[in-house]
PDB file of N, CA and C in Angstrom:
ATOM      1  N   MET A   1     -18.927  -8.923   9.286  1.00  0.00           N
ATOM      2  CA  MET A   1     -17.708  -8.687   8.405  1.00  0.00           C
ATOM      3  C   MET A   1     -16.507  -7.843   9.077  1.00  0.00           C
ATOM      4  N   GLU A   2     -15.279  -8.179   9.049  1.00  0.00           N
ATOM      5  CA  GLU A   2     -14.260  -7.317   9.785  1.00  0.00           C
ATOM      6  C   GLU A   2     -14.121  -5.794   9.277  1.00  0.00           C
ATOM      7  N   PRO A   3     -13.724  -4.796   9.947  1.00  0.00           N
ATOM      8  CA  PRO A   3     -13.306  -3.949   9.159  1.00  0.00           C
ATOM      9  C   PRO A   3     -11.918  -4.034   8.218  1.00  0.00           C
ATOM     10  N   SER A   4     -12.353  -3.528   6.909  1.00  0.00           N
ATOM     11  CA  SER A   4     -11.120  -4.095   6.048  1.00  0.00           C
ATOM     12  C   SER A   4      -9.441  -3.045   6.630  1.00  0.00           C
ATOM     13  N   LYS A   5      -8.405  -3.927   6.359  1.00  0.00           N
ATOM     14  CA  LYS A   5      -7.378  -3.177   6.788  1.00  0.00           C
ATOM     15  C   LYS A   5      -6.610  -2.373   5.738  1.00  0.00           C
ATOM     16  N   THR A   6      -5.939  -1.346   5.570  1.00  0.00           N
ATOM     17  CA  THR A   6      -5.039  -0.903   4.958  1.00  0.00           C
ATOM     18  C   THR A   6      -3.537  -1.008   4.810  1.00  0.00           C
ATOM     19  N   LEU A   7      -3.270  -0.595   4.069  1.00  0.00           N
ATOM     20  CA  LEU A   7      -1.789  -0.734   3.669  1.00  0.00           C
ATOM     21  C   LEU A   7      -0.902  -0.185   4.828  1.00  0.00           C
ATOM     22  N   LYS A   8      -1.573   0.867   5.501  1.00  0.00           N
ATOM     23  CA  LYS A   8      -1.148   2.016   6.753  1.00  0.00           C
ATOM     24  C   LYS A   8      -0.951   0.833   7.778  1.00  0.00           C
ATOM     25  N   ASP A   9      -1.853   0.103   7.892  1.00  0.00           N
ATOM     26  CA  ASP A   9      -1.586  -0.810   9.180  1.00  0.00           C
ATOM     27  C   ASP A   9      -0.945  -1.976   8.996  1.00  0.00           C
ATOM     28  N   VAL A  10       0.034  -2.452   7.921  1.00  0.00           N
ATOM     29  CA  VAL A  10       0.511  -3.512   7.955  1.00  0.00           C
ATOM     30  C   VAL A  10       1.756  -3.521   8.369  1.00  0.00           C
ATOM     31  N   LYS A  11       2.247  -4.535   9.219  1.00  0.00           N
ATOM     32  CA  LYS A  11       3.696  -4.552   9.937  1.00  0.00           C
ATOM     33  C   LYS A  11       4.635  -4.711   8.993  1.00  0.00           C
ATOM     34  N   ILE A  12       5.767  -4.315   9.148  1.00  0.00           N
ATOM     35  CA  ILE A  12       7.302  -4.497   8.597  1.00  0.00           C
ATOM     36  C   ILE A  12       7.381  -5.729   8.404  1.00  0.00           C
ATOM     37  N   GLY A  13       7.714  -6.540   7.202  1.00  0.00           N
ATOM     38  CA  GLY A  13       7.959  -7.958   6.956  1.00  0.00           C
ATOM     39  C   GLY A  13       6.871  -8.897   6.714  1.00  0.00           C
ATOM     40  N   ASP A  14       5.737  -7.937   6.653  1.00  0.00           N
ATOM     41  CA  ASP A  14       4.468  -8.519   6.169  1.00  0.00           C
ATOM     42  C   ASP A  14       3.955  -8.797   4.663  1.00  0.00           C
ATOM     43  N   THR A  15       3.831  -9.831   3.749  1.00  0.00           N
ATOM     44  CA  THR A  15       3.079  -9.415   2.778  1.00  0.00           C
ATOM     45  C   THR A  15       1.624  -9.752   2.615  1.00  0.00           C
ATOM     46  N   VAL A  16       0.939  -8.674   1.824  1.00  0.00           N
ATOM     47  CA  VAL A  16      -0.342  -8.418   2.007  1.00  0.00           C
ATOM     48  C   VAL A  16      -0.814  -8.432   0.393  1.00  0.00           C
ATOM     49  N   THR A  17      -2.121  -8.452   0.370  1.00  0.00           N
ATOM     50  CA  THR A  17      -2.635  -8.514  -1.311  1.00  0.00           C
ATOM     51  C   THR A  17      -3.568  -7.610  -1.054  1.00  0.00           C
ATOM     52  N   VAL A  18      -3.515  -6.946  -2.512  1.00  0.00           N
ATOM     53  CA  VAL A  18      -4.382  -5.319  -2.318  1.00  0.00           C
ATOM     54  C   VAL A  18      -5.618  -6.048  -2.739  1.00  0.00           C
ATOM     55  N   VAL A  19      -6.774  -5.720  -1.857  1.00  0.00           N
ATOM     56  CA  VAL A  19      -8.031  -5.930  -2.236  1.00  0.00           C
ATOM     57  C   VAL A  19      -8.927  -4.529  -2.852  1.00  0.00           C
ATOM     58  N   LYS A  20      -8.647  -3.705  -2.722  1.00  0.00           N
ATOM     59  CA  LYS A  20      -9.369  -2.440  -3.468  1.00  0.00           C
ATOM     60  C   LYS A  20      -8.542  -1.144  -3.163  1.00  0.00           C
ATOM     61  N   LEU A  21      -8.707  -0.288  -4.246  1.00  0.00           N
ATOM     62  CA  LEU A  21      -8.185   0.640  -3.953  1.00  0.00           C
ATOM     63  C   LEU A  21      -9.473   1.922  -3.720  1.00  0.00           C
ATOM     64  N   THR A  22      -9.392   2.987  -2.576  1.00  0.00           N
ATOM     65  CA  THR A  22     -10.461   3.636  -2.369  1.00  0.00           C
ATOM     66  C   THR A  22     -10.247   5.238  -2.661  1.00  0.00           C
ATOM     67  N   GLY A  23      -9.431   5.561  -3.069  1.00  0.00           N
ATOM     68  CA  GLY A  23      -8.710   6.761  -3.309  1.00  0.00           C
ATOM     69  C   GLY A  23      -9.510   7.145  -4.811  1.00  0.00           C
ATOM     70  N   GLN A  24      -9.402   8.252  -5.125  1.00  0.00           N
ATOM     71  CA  GLN A  24     -10.305   9.099  -6.184  1.00  0.00           C
ATOM     72  C   GLN A  24      -9.773   9.903  -7.207  1.00  0.00           C
ATOM     73  N   GLY A  25      -9.768   9.962  -8.183  1.00  0.00           N
ATOM     74  CA  GLY A  25      -9.197  10.904  -9.815  1.00  0.00           C
ATOM     75  C   GLY A  25      -7.715  10.567  -9.800  1.00  0.00           C
ATOM     76  N   LEU A  26      -7.003  11.561  -9.584  1.00  0.00           N
ATOM     77  CA  LEU A  26      -5.661  11.709  -9.899  1.00  0.00           C
ATOM     78  C   LEU A  26      -4.697  10.443  -9.037  1.00  0.00           C
ATOM     79  N   VAL A  27      -5.087  10.893  -7.614  1.00  0.00           N
ATOM     80  CA  VAL A  27      -4.371   9.937  -6.566  1.00  0.00           C
ATOM     81  C   VAL A  27      -4.331   8.703  -7.179  1.00  0.00           C
ATOM     82  N   LYS A  28      -5.796   7.758  -7.376  1.00  0.00           N
ATOM     83  CA  LYS A  28      -6.086   6.646  -7.251  1.00  0.00           C
ATOM     84  C   LYS A  28      -4.897   6.137  -9.059  1.00  0.00           C
ATOM     85  N   ARG A  29      -5.255   7.057  -9.818  1.00  0.00           N
ATOM     86  CA  ARG A  29      -4.416   6.826 -10.980  1.00  0.00           C
ATOM     87  C   ARG A  29      -3.037   6.561 -10.719  1.00  0.00           C
ATOM     88  N   ARG A  30      -2.599   7.550 -10.077  1.00  0.00           N
ATOM     89  CA  ARG A  30      -1.155   7.609  -9.758  1.00  0.00           C
ATOM     90  C   ARG A  30      -0.738   6.124  -8.876  1.00  0.00           C
ATOM     91  N   ILE A  31      -1.543   5.663  -7.857  1.00  0.00           N
ATOM     92  CA  ILE A  31      -1.383   4.673  -7.282  1.00  0.00           C
ATOM     93  C   ILE A  31      -1.415   3.244  -8.432  1.00  0.00           C
ATOM     94  N   MET A  32      -2.336   3.380  -9.194  1.00  0.00           N
ATOM     95  CA  MET A  32      -2.511   2.310 -10.381  1.00  0.00           C
ATOM     96  C   MET A  32      -1.197   2.354 -11.135  1.00  0.00           C
ATOM     97  N   ASP A  33      -0.958   3.759 -11.433  1.00  0.00           N
ATOM     98  CA  ASP A  33       0.489   3.789 -12.443  1.00  0.00           C
ATOM     99  C   ASP A  33       1.672   3.106 -11.912  1.00  0.00           C
ATOM    100  N   MET A  34       1.771   2.986 -10.393  1.00  0.00           N
ATOM    101  CA  MET A  34       2.886   2.303  -9.821  1.00  0.00           C
ATOM    102  C   MET A  34       2.706   0.821  -9.939  1.00  0.00           C
ATOM    103  N   GLY A  35       1.723   0.518 -10.337  1.00  0.00           N
ATOM    104  CA  GLY A  35       1.659  -1.024 -10.371  1.00  0.00           C
ATOM    105  C   GLY A  35       0.752  -2.063  -9.329  1.00  0.00           C
ATOM    106  N   ILE A  36       0.474  -0.798  -8.447  1.00  0.00           N
ATOM    107  CA  ILE A  36      -0.688  -1.248  -7.144  1.00  0.00           C
ATOM    108  C   ILE A  36      -2.036  -1.287  -8.003  1.00  0.00           C
ATOM    109  N   THR A  37      -2.388  -2.512  -7.953  1.00  0.00           N
ATOM    110  CA  THR A  37      -3.730  -2.810  -8.342  1.00  0.00           C
ATOM    111  C   THR A  37      -4.496  -3.999  -7.706  1.00  0.00           C
ATOM    112  N   LYS A  38      -5.725  -4.259  -7.719  1.00  0.00           N
ATOM    113  CA  LYS A  38      -6.241  -5.529  -7.409  1.00  0.00           C
ATOM    114  C   LYS A  38      -5.925  -6.377  -7.242  1.00  0.00           C
ATOM    115  N   GLY A  39      -5.576  -7.509  -6.629  1.00  0.00           N
ATOM    116  CA  GLY A  39      -4.782  -8.873  -6.753  1.00  0.00           C
ATOM    117  C   GLY A  39      -3.106  -8.709  -6.564  1.00  0.00           C
ATOM    118  N   THR A  40      -3.003  -7.858  -6.431  1.00  0.00           N
ATOM    119  CA  THR A  40      -1.212  -7.472  -6.752  1.00  0.00           C
ATOM    120  C   THR A  40      -0.507  -7.765  -5.004  1.00  0.00           C
ATOM    121  N   SER A  41       0.276  -8.267  -4.970  1.00  0.00           N
ATOM    122  CA  SER A  41       0.933  -8.495  -3.323  1.00  0.00           C
ATOM    123  C   SER A  41       2.434  -7.499  -3.142  1.00  0.00           C
ATOM    124  N   ILE A  42       2.205  -7.004  -2.078  1.00  0.00           N
ATOM    125  CA  ILE A  42       2.866  -5.958  -1.531  1.00  0.00           C
ATOM    126  C   ILE A  42       3.491  -6.254  -0.362  1.00  0.00           C
ATOM    127  N   PHE A  43       4.835  -6.108  -0.265  1.00  0.00           N
ATOM    128  CA  PHE A  43       5.929  -6.474   0.798  1.00  0.00           C
ATOM    129  C   PHE A  43       6.271  -5.184   1.768  1.00  0.00           C
ATOM    130  N   VAL A  44       5.764  -5.161   2.966  1.00  0.00           N
ATOM    131  CA  VAL A  44       6.213  -3.977   3.405  1.00  0.00           C
ATOM    132  C   VAL A  44       7.943  -4.381   3.863  1.00  0.00           C
ATOM    133  N   ARG A  45       8.534  -3.523   3.218  1.00  0.00           N
ATOM    134  CA  ARG A  45      10.228  -3.394   3.862  1.00  0.00           C
ATOM    135  C   ARG A  45      10.490  -2.610   5.078  1.00  0.00           C
ATOM    136  N   LYS A  46      10.090  -1.279   4.774  1.00  0.00           N
ATOM    137  CA  LYS A  46      10.612  -0.589   6.304  1.00  0.00           C
ATOM    138  C   LYS A  46       9.719   0.850   6.285  1.00  0.00           C
ATOM    139  N   VAL A  47       9.576   1.003   7.221  1.00  0.00           N
ATOM    140  CA  VAL A  47       8.631   2.465   7.627  1.00  0.00           C
ATOM    141  C   VAL A  47       9.958   3.772   8.279  1.00  0.00           C
ATOM    142  N   ALA A  48       9.792   4.660   7.622  1.00  0.00           N
ATOM    143  CA  ALA A  48      10.656   5.873   8.506  1.00  0.00           C
ATOM    144  C   ALA A  48      10.524   5.998   9.610  1.00  0.00           C
ATOM    145  N   PRO A  49      11.551   6.456  10.471  1.00  0.00           N
ATOM    146  CA  PRO A  49      11.700   6.288  11.762  1.00  0.00           C
ATOM    147  C   PRO A  49      10.259   7.466  12.436  1.00  0.00           C
ATOM    148  N   LEU A  50       9.796   8.509  11.412  1.00  0.00           N
ATOM    149  CA  LEU A  50       8.689   9.349  12.175  1.00  0.00           C
ATOM    150  C   LEU A  50       7.393   8.423  11.470  1.00  0.00           C
ATOM    151  N   GLY A  51       7.469   7.188  10.860  1.00  0.00           N
ATOM    152  CA  GLY A  51       6.165   6.527  10.211  1.00  0.00           C
ATOM    153  C   GLY A  51       6.000   6.993   9.137  1.00  0.00           C
ATOM    154  N   ASP A  52       6.532   8.096   8.531  1.00  0.00           N
ATOM    155  CA  ASP A  52       6.272   8.370   7.022  1.00  0.00           C
ATOM    156  C   ASP A  52       7.305   8.614   6.012  1.00  0.00           C
ATOM    157  N   PRO A  53       7.548   8.442   5.101  1.00  0.00           N
ATOM    158  CA  PRO A  53       6.857   7.361   4.334  1.00  0.00           C
ATOM    159  C   PRO A  53       7.565   5.948   4.697  1.00  0.00           C
ATOM    160  N   MET A  54       6.611   4.907   3.917  1.00  0.00           N
ATOM    161  CA  MET A  54       6.656   3.639   4.075  1.00  0.00           C
ATOM    162  C   MET A  54       7.485   2.977   2.967  1.00  0.00           C
ATOM    163  N   GLU A  55       8.326   2.103   2.789  1.00  0.00           N
ATOM    164  CA  GLU A  55       9.070   1.456   1.764  1.00  0.00           C
ATOM    165  C   GLU A  55       8.516   0.223   1.296  1.00  0.00           C
ATOM    166  N   VAL A  56       7.696  -0.185   0.183  1.00  0.00           N
ATOM    167  CA  VAL A  56       7.106  -1.797   0.011  1.00  0.00           C
ATOM    168  C   VAL A  56       7.963  -1.928  -0.993  1.00  0.00           C
ATOM    169  N   THR A  57       7.636  -3.271  -1.562  1.00  0.00           N
ATOM    170  CA  THR A  57       8.201  -3.958  -2.821  1.00  0.00           C
ATOM    171  C   THR A  57       6.953  -4.350  -3.570  1.00  0.00           C
ATOM    172  N   VAL A  58       6.665  -3.817  -4.873  1.00  0.00           N
ATOM    173  CA  VAL A  58       5.661  -4.248  -5.443  1.00  0.00           C
ATOM    174  C   VAL A  58       6.143  -4.812  -6.723  1.00  0.00           C
ATOM    175  N   LYS A  59       5.931  -6.054  -7.132  1.00  0.00           N
ATOM    176  CA  LYS A  59       6.030  -6.321  -8.626  1.00  0.00           C
ATOM    177  C   LYS A  59       7.642  -6.422  -8.695  1.00  0.00           C
ATOM    178  N   GLY A  60       8.663  -6.897  -7.872  1.00  0.00           N
ATOM    179  CA  GLY A  60       9.992  -6.601  -8.032  1.00  0.00           C
ATOM    180  C   GLY A  60      10.394  -5.550  -7.738  1.00  0.00           C
ATOM    181  N   TYR A  61       9.955  -4.530  -7.308  1.00  0.00           N
ATOM    182  CA  TYR A  61      10.471  -3.195  -7.530  1.00  0.00           C
ATOM    183  C   TYR A  61      10.261  -2.557  -6.074  1.00  0.00           C
ATOM    184  N   GLU A  62      11.143  -1.390  -5.763  1.00  0.00           N
ATOM    185  CA  GLU A  62      10.633  -0.647  -4.237  1.00  0.00           C
ATOM    186  C   GLU A  62      10.184   0.637  -4.564  1.00  0.00           C
ATOM    187  N   LEU A  63       9.001   1.138  -3.825  1.00  0.00           N
ATOM    188  CA  LEU A  63       8.135   2.096  -3.652  1.00  0.00           C
ATOM    189  C   LEU A  63       8.147   2.758  -2.473  1.00  0.00           C
ATOM    190  N   SER A  64       8.376   3.961  -2.495  1.00  0.00           N
ATOM    191  CA  SER A  64       8.029   4.692  -1.102  1.00  0.00           C
ATOM    192  C   SER A  64       6.911   5.316  -1.224  1.00  0.00           C
ATOM    193  N   LEU A  65       5.917   4.879   0.042  1.00  0.00           N
ATOM    194  CA  LEU A  65       4.767   5.519  -0.202  1.00  0.00           C
ATOM    195  C   LEU A  65       4.406   6.467   1.222  1.00  0.00           C
ATOM    196  N   ARG A  66       3.368   7.476   1.031  1.00  0.00           N
ATOM    197  CA  ARG A  66       3.102   8.357   1.848  1.00  0.00           C
ATOM    198  C   ARG A  66       2.226   7.542   2.683  1.00  0.00           C
ATOM    199  N   LYS A  67       1.976   7.964   4.241  1.00  0.00           N
ATOM    200  CA  LYS A  67       0.946   6.994   4.445  1.00  0.00           C
ATOM    201  C   LYS A  67      -0.582   7.387   4.266  1.00  0.00           C
ATOM    202  N   GLU A  68      -0.714   8.484   3.797  1.00  0.00           N
ATOM    203  CA  GLU A  68      -2.255   8.938   3.346  1.00  0.00           C
ATOM    204  C   GLU A  68      -2.375   8.137   2.235  1.00  0.00           C
ATOM    205  N   ASP A  69      -1.073   7.861   1.317  1.00  0.00           N
ATOM    206  CA  ASP A  69      -1.601   7.042   0.143  1.00  0.00           C
ATOM    207  C   ASP A  69      -1.987   5.653   0.657  1.00  0.00           C
ATOM    208  N   ALA A  70      -0.936   5.395   1.574  1.00  0.00           N
ATOM    209  CA  ALA A  70      -1.081   3.942   1.989  1.00  0.00           C
ATOM    210  C   ALA A  70      -2.903   3.599   2.402  1.00  0.00           C
ATOM    211  N   GLN A  71      -3.464   4.529   2.940  1.00  0.00           N
ATOM    212  CA  GLN A  71      -4.455   4.391   3.577  1.00  0.00           C
ATOM    213  C   GLN A  71      -5.706   4.176   2.606  1.00  0.00           C
ATOM    214  N   MET A  72      -5.249   4.613   1.123  1.00  0.00           N
ATOM    215  CA  MET A  72      -6.310   4.304   0.197  1.00  0.00           C
ATOM    216  C   MET A  72      -6.500   3.109  -0.268  1.00  0.00           C
ATOM    217  N   ILE A  73      -5.131   2.020   0.504  1.00  0.00           N
ATOM    218  CA  ILE A  73      -5.167   0.718  -0.430  1.00  0.00           C
ATOM    219  C   ILE A  73      -5.638   0.014   0.583  1.00  0.00           C
ATOM    220  N   ALA A  74      -6.674  -1.039   0.297  1.00  0.00           N
ATOM    221  CA  ALA A  74      -7.277  -1.987   1.302  1.00  0.00           C
ATOM    222  C   ALA A  74      -6.713  -3.033   0.968  1.00  0.00           C
ATOM    223  N   VAL A  75      -6.172  -4.138   1.965  1.00  0.00           N
ATOM    224  CA  VAL A  75      -5.544  -5.227   2.050  1.00  0.00           C
ATOM    225  C   VAL A  75      -5.841  -6.317   2.877  1.00  0.00           C
ATOM    226  N   GLU A  76      -5.525  -7.371   2.428  1.00  0.00           N
ATOM    227  CA  GLU A  76      -5.718  -8.611   3.148  1.00  0.00           C
ATOM    228  C   GLU A  76      -4.770  -9.220   3.351  1.00  0.00           C
TER     229      GLU A  76
END
C-alpha cells in the first residue's frame, strides 16, 4: 500500500477526496466543524507565498487552513 497523501501535499488546482482525519480531540472536531469529513471533495485554490496557510474550497465555500492542520487530513 502506498503511503497516504495528506492535504498538505496537494498541488494548487487539484481536487482531492478526504479519506481519513488523523487529528485528535478539539483539532479534529474543529476540522469536522468546517465541513471536512470523510468523502468530502476539496479543491486547493492557492497557497500563501511562504507556504502557510493554504486556501481551499469545501462544499462551495472557501477556507484557509494551516499546514499543520492540512497534514491531519488524508486524501486521495
